[in-house]
Protein backbone atom coordinates (compact mmCIF):
# COMPACT_ATOMS: atom_id res chain seq x y z
CA MET A 1 12.56 -0.96 -15.42
CA ARG A 2 9.15 -1.20 -13.77
CA TYR A 3 7.54 -4.73 -13.21
CA MET A 4 4.33 -6.35 -12.20
CA SER A 5 4.22 -9.64 -10.27
CA LEU A 6 0.51 -10.92 -9.96
CA TRP A 7 -0.64 -13.68 -7.23
CA ARG A 8 -3.66 -15.87 -8.54
CA PRO A 9 -4.55 -18.97 -6.18
CA GLY A 10 -4.69 -22.51 -7.54
CA LYS A 11 -8.60 -23.52 -7.28
CA ASN A 12 -7.36 -25.86 -4.04
CA ALA A 13 -5.21 -22.84 -2.57
CA ASN A 14 -5.33 -23.41 1.45
CA PRO A 15 -4.77 -19.74 3.33
CA PRO A 16 -0.79 -18.78 3.56
CA THR A 17 0.64 -20.29 6.63
CA GLU A 18 2.56 -18.19 9.47
CA GLN A 19 6.02 -19.79 8.14
CA LEU A 20 5.20 -18.58 4.71
CA PHE A 21 3.73 -14.91 6.19
CA ALA A 22 7.69 -14.91 8.15
CA GLU A 23 9.21 -15.65 4.51
CA MET A 24 7.89 -13.03 2.56
CA GLY A 25 7.74 -10.61 5.27
CA GLN A 26 11.48 -11.38 5.08
CA LEU A 27 11.56 -10.85 1.40
CA ILE A 28 9.56 -7.70 1.54
CA GLY A 29 11.70 -6.20 3.85
CA GLU A 30 14.98 -7.10 1.67
CA MET A 31 13.04 -5.86 -1.14
CA SER A 32 12.43 -2.72 0.35
CA LYS A 33 15.32 -2.32 2.17
CA ALA A 34 17.60 -2.60 -1.87
CA GLY A 35 15.32 -0.04 -2.91
CA ILE A 36 13.37 -2.26 -5.25
CA LEU A 37 9.47 -2.60 -4.35
CA VAL A 38 7.70 0.25 -5.17
CA SER A 39 4.38 -1.45 -3.94
CA THR A 40 2.46 -4.70 -3.09
CA GLY A 41 -1.29 -5.25 -1.85
CA GLY A 42 -4.03 -7.61 -2.11
CA TRP A 43 -7.09 -8.28 -2.45
CA ASP A 44 -9.44 -10.75 -0.54
CA PRO A 45 -11.92 -12.42 -2.52
CA ALA A 46 -14.65 -12.81 -0.17
CA SER A 47 -14.97 -8.68 0.03
CA PRO A 48 -16.82 -6.85 -2.17
CA PHE A 49 -15.62 -5.82 -5.39
CA PHE A 50 -16.32 -2.80 -7.50
CA THR A 51 -14.89 -1.02 -10.27
CA VAL A 52 -15.19 2.52 -11.03
CA LYS A 53 -14.47 3.71 -14.63
CA MET A 54 -14.90 7.36 -16.45
CA SER A 55 -15.63 7.92 -20.00
CA ASN A 56 -16.36 11.16 -21.57
CA GLY A 57 -17.00 12.49 -18.14
CA LYS A 58 -19.40 10.06 -17.18
CA VAL A 59 -18.86 7.54 -13.82
CA THR A 60 -19.55 3.80 -14.33
CA VAL A 61 -19.76 1.79 -11.01
CA THR A 62 -19.80 -2.10 -11.98
CA ASP A 63 -19.83 -5.20 -10.09
CA GLY A 64 -16.28 -7.23 -10.49
CA PRO A 65 -13.94 -6.39 -11.79
CA TYR A 66 -14.16 -10.26 -12.04
CA ALA A 67 -16.70 -12.36 -14.05
CA GLU A 68 -15.90 -15.65 -11.88
CA ALA A 69 -14.03 -15.78 -9.35
CA LYS A 70 -11.14 -18.18 -11.65
CA GLU A 71 -10.03 -14.61 -12.80
CA VAL A 72 -9.55 -12.98 -9.02
CA VAL A 73 -6.28 -11.73 -8.54
CA ALA A 74 -5.09 -12.33 -4.60
CA GLY A 75 -1.89 -10.11 -4.78
CA PHE A 76 0.58 -8.09 -6.41
CA ALA A 77 4.25 -6.93 -6.38
CA ILE A 78 5.94 -4.26 -8.41
CA ILE A 79 9.39 -3.55 -8.68
CA GLU A 80 12.08 -1.24 -10.20
CA VAL A 81 14.99 -3.74 -11.51
């Protein structure tokens, strides 16, 4: 079964430290080696966002995908266990 883990930073969150990057790199390496990590990724809230949808053959591009900054998902991991 696949699970998705989402990371949403708190409103007073600081940027990740070098130590956190190292620890996450180790965890990602261990999960990859064990064959349970399917995918990881992240979003930079300062980057431009847009959503592309197709419905009934019509493509719509909108700003977003988040209405408010508090809704930003900063990262994800998909694992299969």
